[in-house]
Amino acid sequence: MLAAVLVLAAVAVGTIPAAAALLSARWPYRSPAAAILLWQALGLSWGLAAVGALAGLGARQAGWGVAGGALTGAAGAARAAVLGSCPAMLAAIARLIFLAAAAALLALLCWVLLAASAAVLLARRRHRVLLRLLAHGDPKVPGALVVDSPAAAAYCVPGLRSAIVVSAGTLDLLDAAELAAVLAHERAHLRERHDLVLLPFSALNRALPRCRLVRQAYGSVALLVEMLADDRALRHRPARELATALIRVGVSSAGPAPSGALAAAQAPDGETAARVARLLAPAPPLPAAALTLICSAAALLVAVPAGLLLLPW
């Protein structure tokens, strides 16, 4: 049991420097899908390992060794020094504290995710009501809704009743080819449900707004999601059309997209510049061997804590 707890604790602690390293890496721009998968694995692995380590510390067992005497020596001496000198009541209280911490952390993570999901669904519902009142169709953008605003805006509202919204200012700003590229980008968001990819990170960012690592992780994943939609749009439109559209809409943007929506070019200037540079001077994608290694690492990150949690404690 002690070995499993130590491994879980090591995984929980190790995901933090791993996330920091991923933030400073440049290869994610070459393969956004693989980077997003690794980010998801890091987040899930941290949650499983942290809850599992706390629960393991609080689990009642006759001994802390592993079957067959695999853990002896220093581990046994540490146990004797720590637990052997503590009264039984204090040891029981310590176990209860660890179990309560595990339950609290699990409840907090679930609550944060549920609360964020409810907030997003409510915001989208309210926005759809406004769109029914203010938006209208236009033959220039079949399948999309147009709002009469002079500022540039283009975004999608995901969900069962998804919608792509474009402002009148965007129609005046972009030519037909650039507009088609923007629409292809937004359709990629809707088709691949990128909002669900972002949801856990935005939920954690909302719960821990002062945590720099969480905030940076959310921003990184949000940028990668936009790059992934750019890549999907390039299957239908030339890169230069999308790049010029991003520049024009970014310069004339009305501000951030509504809550729960995904916008094509309403991001910080640095992120828009990174996307434009990537479109106009693309780096070669990662080789198959590197992608295999990344996917294997992501699978291992989740499989190790999940497998340990399934073992008999």
Protein backbone atom coordinates (compact mmCIF):
# COMPACT_ATOMS: atom_id res chain seq x y z
CA MET A 1 0.00 0.00 0.00
CA LEU A 2 2.80 2.43 0.88
CA ALA A 3 4.40 1.88 -2.52
CA ALA A 4 1.16 2.79 -4.27
CA VAL A 5 0.74 5.91 -2.15
CA LEU A 6 4.29 7.02 -2.89
CA VAL A 7 3.81 6.49 -6.63
CA LEU A 8 0.52 8.43 -6.58
CA ALA A 9 2.11 11.27 -4.63
CA ALA A 10 5.05 11.34 -7.05
CA VAL A 11 2.70 11.51 -10.02
CA ALA A 12 0.63 14.29 -8.45
CA VAL A 13 3.73 16.35 -7.68
CA GLY A 14 5.46 15.52 -10.97
CA THR A 15 2.61 16.80 -13.13
CA ILE A 16 3.29 20.35 -11.90
CA PRO A 17 6.83 20.73 -13.35
CA ALA A 18 5.67 18.73 -16.37
CA ALA A 19 2.92 21.30 -17.00
CA ALA A 20 5.42 24.14 -16.58
CA ALA A 21 7.74 22.47 -19.09
CA LEU A 22 4.90 22.04 -21.57
CA LEU A 23 4.08 25.74 -21.25
CA SER A 24 7.58 26.71 -22.37
CA ALA A 25 7.82 24.12 -25.16
CA ARG A 26 7.44 25.21 -28.78
CA TRP A 27 6.57 21.87 -30.36
CA PRO A 28 2.84 22.13 -29.44
CA TYR A 29 2.42 24.67 -32.25
CA ARG A 30 3.52 21.99 -34.71
CA SER A 31 0.93 19.43 -33.54
CA PRO A 32 -1.83 21.10 -31.50
CA ALA A 33 -3.95 17.95 -31.24
CA ALA A 34 -1.13 15.98 -29.59
CA ALA A 35 -0.38 18.86 -27.21
CA ILE A 36 -4.04 19.14 -26.21
CA LEU A 37 -4.11 15.39 -25.54
CA LEU A 38 -1.05 15.73 -23.29
CA TRP A 39 -2.61 18.67 -21.43
CA GLN A 40 -5.75 16.64 -20.81
CA ALA A 41 -3.70 13.69 -19.57
CA LEU A 42 -1.72 15.93 -17.19
CA GLY A 43 -4.89 17.40 -15.70
CA LEU A 44 -6.65 14.06 -15.30
CA SER A 45 -3.54 12.40 -13.95
CA TRP A 46 -3.07 15.11 -11.33
CA GLY A 47 -6.66 14.80 -10.13
CA LEU A 48 -6.59 11.00 -9.91
CA ALA A 49 -3.18 10.90 -8.25
CA ALA A 50 -3.87 13.64 -5.70
CA VAL A 51 -7.18 12.13 -4.61
CA GLY A 52 -5.70 8.62 -4.60
CA ALA A 53 -2.66 9.61 -2.53
CA LEU A 54 -4.79 11.30 0.12
CA ALA A 55 -7.22 8.39 0.21
CA GLY A 56 -4.35 5.92 0.45
CA LEU A 57 -2.86 7.75 3.42
CA GLY A 58 -6.18 7.54 5.17
CA ALA A 59 -7.00 3.94 4.30
CA ARG A 60 -7.06 1.54 7.24
CA GLN A 61 -4.65 -1.33 6.79
CA ALA A 62 -3.05 -3.77 9.15
CA GLY A 63 0.37 -2.67 7.88
CA TRP A 64 1.98 -0.28 5.42
CA GLY A 65 4.18 -2.87 3.72
CA VAL A 66 3.65 -4.52 0.39
CA ALA A 67 2.82 -8.22 0.12
CA GLY A 68 5.93 -10.36 0.03
CA GLY A 69 7.99 -7.88 2.05
CA ALA A 70 8.90 -5.73 -0.92
CA LEU A 71 9.03 -2.64 1.28
CA THR A 72 11.43 -3.05 4.17
CA GLY A 73 14.43 -1.27 5.56
CA ALA A 74 14.09 2.51 5.45
CA ALA A 75 10.31 2.41 4.86
CA GLY A 76 9.79 0.11 7.82
CA ALA A 77 12.02 2.24 10.02
CA ALA A 78 10.11 5.38 9.04
CA ARG A 79 6.82 3.71 9.85
CA ALA A 80 8.08 2.62 13.25
CA ALA A 81 9.41 6.08 13.99
CA VAL A 82 6.26 7.92 12.96
CA LEU A 83 3.38 5.61 13.72
CA GLY A 84 4.92 3.55 16.46
CA SER A 85 5.32 6.56 18.72
CA CYS A 86 1.85 7.98 18.11
CA PRO A 87 -1.10 7.05 20.25
CA ALA A 88 -3.75 5.03 18.46
CA MET A 89 -6.22 7.89 18.74
CA LEU A 90 -3.92 10.35 16.98
CA ALA A 91 -3.26 7.84 14.21
CA ALA A 92 -6.99 7.35 13.75
CA ILE A 93 -7.55 11.12 13.62
CA ALA A 94 -4.77 11.46 11.04
CA ARG A 95 -6.37 8.78 8.87
CA LEU A 96 -9.74 10.54 9.09
CA ILE A 97 -8.14 13.86 8.12
CA PHE A 98 -6.55 12.31 5.03
CA LEU A 99 -9.82 10.60 4.05
CA ALA A 100 -11.74 13.85 4.55
CA ALA A 101 -9.17 15.71 2.44
CA ALA A 102 -9.48 13.15 -0.35
CA ALA A 103 -13.28 13.36 -0.29
CA ALA A 104 -13.17 17.16 -0.19
CA LEU A 105 -10.77 17.38 -3.13
CA LEU A 106 -12.86 14.96 -5.20
CA ALA A 107 -16.05 16.85 -4.34
CA LEU A 108 -14.39 20.17 -5.17
CA LEU A 109 -13.19 18.99 -8.57
CA CYS A 110 -16.61 17.58 -9.44
CA TRP A 111 -18.40 20.67 -8.17
CA VAL A 112 -16.13 23.03 -10.10
CA LEU A 113 -16.76 21.12 -13.32
CA LEU A 114 -20.52 20.94 -12.78
CA ALA A 115 -20.78 24.60 -11.79
CA ALA A 116 -18.78 25.71 -14.82
CA SER A 117 -20.90 23.54 -17.12
CA ALA A 118 -24.11 24.99 -15.67
CA ALA A 119 -22.80 28.55 -16.02
CA VAL A 120 -21.83 27.97 -19.65
CA LEU A 121 -25.17 26.37 -20.50
CA LEU A 122 -27.05 29.26 -18.87
CA ALA A 123 -24.95 31.86 -20.69
CA ARG A 124 -25.53 30.13 -24.02
CA ARG A 125 -29.25 29.91 -23.38
CA ARG A 126 -29.44 33.63 -22.66
CA HIS A 127 -27.35 34.43 -25.72
CA ARG A 128 -29.58 32.34 -27.96
CA VAL A 129 -32.58 34.32 -26.70
CA LEU A 130 -30.82 37.55 -27.67
CA LEU A 131 -29.91 36.13 -31.07
CA ARG A 132 -33.55 35.27 -31.76
CA LEU A 133 -34.40 38.91 -31.10
CA LEU A 134 -31.45 40.66 -32.74
CA ALA A 135 -29.94 38.39 -35.38
CA HIS A 136 -31.10 37.56 -38.88
CA GLY A 137 -29.99 35.50 -41.85
CA ASP A 138 -28.01 36.86 -44.78
CA PRO A 139 -27.33 35.29 -48.21
CA LYS A 140 -23.67 36.27 -47.90
CA VAL A 141 -23.25 33.83 -45.00
CA PRO A 142 -25.64 30.91 -45.49
CA GLY A 143 -26.20 28.96 -42.31
CA ALA A 144 -24.95 31.78 -40.10
CA LEU A 145 -26.66 34.59 -38.19
CA VAL A 146 -25.86 38.27 -38.64
CA VAL A 147 -26.10 40.94 -35.94
CA ASP A 148 -26.29 44.59 -36.93
CA SER A 149 -23.13 45.87 -35.27
CA PRO A 150 -20.45 47.99 -36.96
CA ALA A 151 -17.68 46.35 -34.93
CA ALA A 152 -16.01 43.21 -36.25
CA ALA A 153 -17.07 39.98 -34.58
CA ALA A 154 -17.23 36.35 -35.64
CA TYR A 155 -17.86 33.52 -33.21
CA CYS A 156 -19.78 30.30 -32.73
CA VAL A 157 -22.16 29.21 -29.98
CA PRO A 158 -21.69 25.44 -29.49
CA GLY A 159 -24.31 23.03 -28.24
CA LEU A 160 -27.25 21.04 -29.51
CA ARG A 161 -28.58 24.18 -31.18
CA SER A 162 -25.26 25.51 -32.36
CA ALA A 163 -24.94 28.74 -34.30
CA ILE A 164 -22.30 30.80 -36.09
CA VAL A 165 -22.65 34.53 -35.54
CA VAL A 166 -21.11 37.25 -37.71
CA SER A 167 -21.48 41.00 -37.30
CA ALA A 168 -22.44 43.37 -40.09
CA GLY A 169 -19.09 45.05 -39.55
CA THR A 170 -17.33 41.79 -40.39
CA LEU A 171 -19.32 41.46 -43.62
CA ASP A 172 -18.18 44.95 -44.63
CA LEU A 173 -14.58 44.30 -43.56
CA LEU A 174 -13.83 40.95 -45.20
CA ASP A 175 -14.07 39.86 -48.79
CA ALA A 176 -15.85 36.66 -49.80
CA ALA A 177 -12.74 34.46 -49.59
CA GLU A 178 -11.71 35.74 -46.14
CA LEU A 179 -15.24 35.34 -44.86
CA ALA A 180 -15.35 31.76 -46.12
CA ALA A 181 -12.10 31.04 -44.24
CA VAL A 182 -13.54 32.42 -41.00
CA LEU A 183 -16.69 30.36 -41.41
CA ALA A 184 -14.61 27.23 -42.02
CA HIS A 185 -12.72 27.95 -38.79
CA GLU A 186 -15.94 28.31 -36.79
CA ARG A 187 -17.47 25.18 -38.33
CA ALA A 188 -14.40 23.26 -37.17
CA HIS A 189 -15.05 24.44 -33.61
CA LEU A 190 -18.64 23.24 -33.79
CA ARG A 191 -17.96 19.97 -35.57
CA GLU A 192 -15.20 18.84 -33.20
CA ARG A 193 -16.79 20.28 -30.02
CA HIS A 194 -13.73 22.22 -28.96
CA ASP A 195 -15.82 23.80 -26.20
CA LEU A 196 -15.80 20.46 -24.38
CA VAL A 197 -12.00 20.34 -24.63
CA LEU A 198 -11.76 23.76 -22.98
CA LEU A 199 -14.40 23.20 -20.31
CA PRO A 200 -12.26 21.42 -17.64
CA PHE A 201 -9.49 24.01 -17.99
CA SER A 202 -11.87 26.97 -17.87
CA ALA A 203 -13.58 25.41 -14.84
CA LEU A 204 -10.29 25.07 -12.97
CA ASN A 205 -9.27 28.57 -14.04
CA ARG A 206 -12.53 29.92 -12.63
CA ALA A 207 -12.00 28.08 -9.36
CA LEU A 208 -8.33 29.14 -9.01
CA PRO A 209 -8.10 32.52 -10.77
CA ARG A 210 -4.97 33.55 -8.84
CA CYS A 211 -3.01 30.41 -9.64
CA ARG A 212 -0.55 31.42 -12.34
CA LEU A 213 0.05 27.88 -13.61
CA VAL A 214 -3.68 27.17 -13.97
CA ARG A 215 -4.23 30.48 -15.72
CA GLN A 216 -1.36 29.86 -18.12
CA ALA A 217 -2.50 26.30 -18.81
CA TYR A 218 -5.98 27.53 -19.73
CA GLY A 219 -4.51 30.17 -22.04
CA SER A 220 -2.22 27.62 -23.67
CA VAL A 221 -5.02 25.15 -24.33
CA ALA A 222 -7.29 27.91 -25.63
CA LEU A 223 -4.61 28.97 -28.12
CA LEU A 224 -3.99 25.37 -29.19
CA VAL A 225 -7.72 24.90 -29.78
CA GLU A 226 -7.71 27.93 -32.07
CA MET A 227 -4.69 26.60 -33.93
CA LEU A 228 -6.39 23.23 -34.31
CA ALA A 229 -9.43 24.94 -35.82
CA ASP A 230 -7.09 26.88 -38.11
CA ASP A 231 -5.61 23.59 -39.32
CA ARG A 232 -9.05 22.18 -40.03
CA ALA A 233 -10.02 25.33 -41.93
CA LEU A 234 -6.90 24.99 -44.11
CA ARG A 235 -8.36 21.80 -45.55
CA HIS A 236 -10.89 23.98 -47.34
CA ARG A 237 -9.31 27.42 -47.68
CA PRO A 238 -5.80 28.80 -48.41
CA ALA A 239 -3.73 29.93 -45.45
CA ARG A 240 -3.38 33.52 -46.66
CA GLU A 241 -7.14 34.05 -46.68
CA LEU A 242 -7.48 32.97 -43.06
CA ALA A 243 -4.39 34.92 -41.99
CA THR A 244 -5.60 38.19 -43.47
CA ALA A 245 -9.05 37.63 -41.99
CA LEU A 246 -7.54 37.10 -38.53
CA ILE A 247 -5.54 40.31 -38.83
CA ARG A 248 -8.46 42.40 -40.00
CA VAL A 249 -10.96 41.06 -37.50
CA GLY A 250 -8.39 41.18 -34.70
CA VAL A 251 -7.63 44.86 -35.33
CA SER A 252 -11.31 45.84 -35.54
CA SER A 253 -12.59 43.43 -32.88
CA ALA A 254 -15.44 44.49 -30.63
CA GLY A 255 -13.91 42.67 -27.65
CA PRO A 256 -14.06 39.15 -26.23
CA ALA A 257 -16.68 36.71 -27.42
CA PRO A 258 -19.78 36.13 -25.27
CA SER A 259 -19.46 33.63 -22.44
CA GLY A 260 -19.64 30.06 -23.73
CA ALA A 261 -18.73 31.03 -27.31
CA LEU A 262 -15.58 30.48 -29.34
CA ALA A 263 -14.32 33.41 -31.42
CA ALA A 264 -12.14 33.29 -34.50
CA ALA A 265 -9.92 36.31 -33.83
CA GLN A 266 -10.84 37.91 -30.50
CA ALA A 267 -7.71 36.97 -28.56
CA PRO A 268 -4.69 38.88 -27.22
CA ASP A 269 -2.55 40.41 -29.95
CA GLY A 270 0.36 38.08 -29.20
CA GLU A 271 -1.78 35.00 -29.71
CA THR A 272 -3.24 36.32 -32.96
CA ALA A 273 0.28 37.13 -34.17
CA ALA A 274 1.42 33.59 -33.30
CA ARG A 275 -1.46 32.11 -35.27
CA VAL A 276 -0.82 34.34 -38.27
CA ALA A 277 2.90 33.54 -38.26
CA ARG A 278 2.10 29.85 -38.04
CA LEU A 279 -0.26 30.10 -41.00
CA LEU A 280 2.09 32.06 -43.24
CA ALA A 281 5.30 30.22 -42.28
CA PRO A 282 4.19 26.78 -41.11
CA ALA A 283 6.67 24.51 -39.38
CA PRO A 284 6.67 20.84 -40.37
CA PRO A 285 4.40 18.65 -38.23
CA LEU A 286 5.96 16.36 -35.67
CA PRO A 287 7.19 13.03 -37.05
CA ALA A 288 5.17 9.90 -36.40
CA ALA A 289 7.68 8.63 -33.84
CA ALA A 290 7.34 11.80 -31.76
CA LEU A 291 3.55 11.66 -31.95
CA THR A 292 3.61 8.03 -30.84
CA LEU A 293 5.83 8.95 -27.90
CA ILE A 294 3.54 11.80 -26.85
CA CYS A 295 0.40 9.66 -27.08
CA SER A 296 2.10 6.88 -25.13
CA ALA A 297 3.16 9.32 -22.42
CA ALA A 298 -0.39 10.67 -22.19
CA ALA A 299 -1.82 7.16 -21.90
CA LEU A 300 0.75 6.25 -19.24
CA LEU A 301 0.01 9.39 -17.24
CA VAL A 302 -3.62 8.35 -16.90
CA ALA A 303 -3.13 4.58 -16.72
CA VAL A 304 -0.69 4.61 -13.79
CA PRO A 305 -2.88 6.43 -11.23
CA ALA A 306 -6.06 4.82 -12.56
CA GLY A 307 -4.52 1.35 -12.30
CA LEU A 308 -3.25 1.98 -8.77
CA LEU A 309 -6.67 3.17 -7.68
CA LEU A 310 -8.19 -0.08 -8.95
CA LEU A 311 -5.82 -2.23 -6.89
CA PRO A 312 -7.14 -3.71 -3.63
CA TRP A 313 -6.21 -1.43 -0.77
